[in-house]
Amino acid sequence: MYIIKVKGIAKIPDYVQLRDEKFTLLAYFRVDRPDKSLIKLGFEEKQEYIMNLINELPFGQVTKLDI
């Protein structure tokens, strides 16, 4: 799975994209509201780890996530 952190502009907030190995979009959520998207994907137990990684990521960088 891959994570991309997208910088928002003006009134548009920052977003995160989660993509699979074929780069298909799995989830697209605001950085400050990840709860439902991560739970829906079955990552409730790993939510804290994923959010810590997202908070440290620079904007626009594609990062591979091994879970």
Protein backbone atom coordinates (compact mmCIF):
# COMPACT_ATOMS: atom_id res chain seq x y z
CA MET A 1 0.00 0.00 0.00
CA TYR A 2 1.13 3.57 -0.65
CA ILE A 3 0.44 6.84 1.18
CA ILE A 4 0.45 10.28 -0.43
CA LYS A 5 -0.06 13.44 1.63
CA VAL A 6 -1.59 16.27 -0.43
CA LYS A 7 -1.26 19.92 0.63
CA GLY A 8 -4.50 21.88 0.56
CA ILE A 9 -4.73 25.45 -0.66
CA ALA A 10 -6.77 28.31 0.83
CA LYS A 11 -10.05 26.77 2.09
CA ILE A 12 -9.21 23.25 0.90
CA PRO A 13 -7.73 21.17 3.76
CA ASP A 14 -4.78 18.77 3.61
CA TYR A 15 -5.70 15.27 2.43
CA VAL A 16 -4.20 11.79 2.45
CA GLN A 17 -4.56 9.19 -0.28
CA LEU A 18 -4.13 5.48 0.40
CA ARG A 19 -3.45 3.43 -2.73
CA ASP A 20 -2.89 -0.28 -3.35
CA GLU A 21 -0.02 -1.95 -5.25
CA LYS A 22 -1.67 -1.16 -8.61
CA PHE A 23 -2.06 2.45 -7.44
CA THR A 24 -5.85 2.17 -7.22
CA LEU A 25 -7.33 4.66 -4.77
CA LEU A 26 -8.47 2.88 -1.59
CA ALA A 27 -9.19 5.89 0.63
CA TYR A 28 -9.08 9.66 0.45
CA PHE A 29 -9.52 11.52 3.74
CA ARG A 30 -8.65 14.71 5.56
CA VAL A 31 -5.54 14.56 7.71
CA ASP A 32 -7.52 15.75 10.72
CA ARG A 33 -10.40 13.21 10.22
CA PRO A 34 -9.04 9.75 9.39
CA ASP A 35 -11.24 7.68 11.72
CA LYS A 36 -14.00 6.29 9.48
CA SER A 37 -11.77 5.70 6.44
CA LEU A 38 -9.16 3.68 8.33
CA ILE A 39 -11.79 1.68 10.21
CA LYS A 40 -13.63 0.95 6.95
CA LEU A 41 -10.39 -0.46 5.47
CA GLY A 42 -9.83 -2.62 8.56
CA PHE A 43 -6.89 -0.64 9.98
CA GLU A 44 -8.51 0.31 13.29
CA GLU A 45 -5.74 -1.39 15.30
CA LYS A 46 -2.97 0.22 13.22
CA GLN A 47 -4.58 3.67 13.09
CA GLU A 48 -2.15 5.25 15.55
CA TYR A 49 0.89 3.93 13.63
CA ILE A 50 -0.50 5.11 10.28
CA MET A 51 -1.39 8.58 11.62
CA ASN A 52 2.07 9.01 13.17
CA LEU A 53 3.59 8.15 9.80
CA ILE A 54 1.26 10.56 7.97
CA ASN A 55 2.07 13.42 10.36
CA GLU A 56 5.81 12.96 9.68
CA LEU A 57 5.44 12.68 5.89
CA PRO A 58 6.34 15.62 3.67
CA PHE A 59 3.65 16.76 1.24
CA GLY A 60 3.65 15.22 -2.23
CA GLN A 61 5.94 12.29 -1.44
CA VAL A 62 4.72 8.77 -2.26
CA THR A 63 5.65 6.43 0.59
CA LYS A 64 5.27 2.65 0.67
CA LEU A 65 3.45 1.35 3.73
CA ASP A 66 4.10 -2.25 4.74
CA ILE A 67 1.37 -3.52 7.03
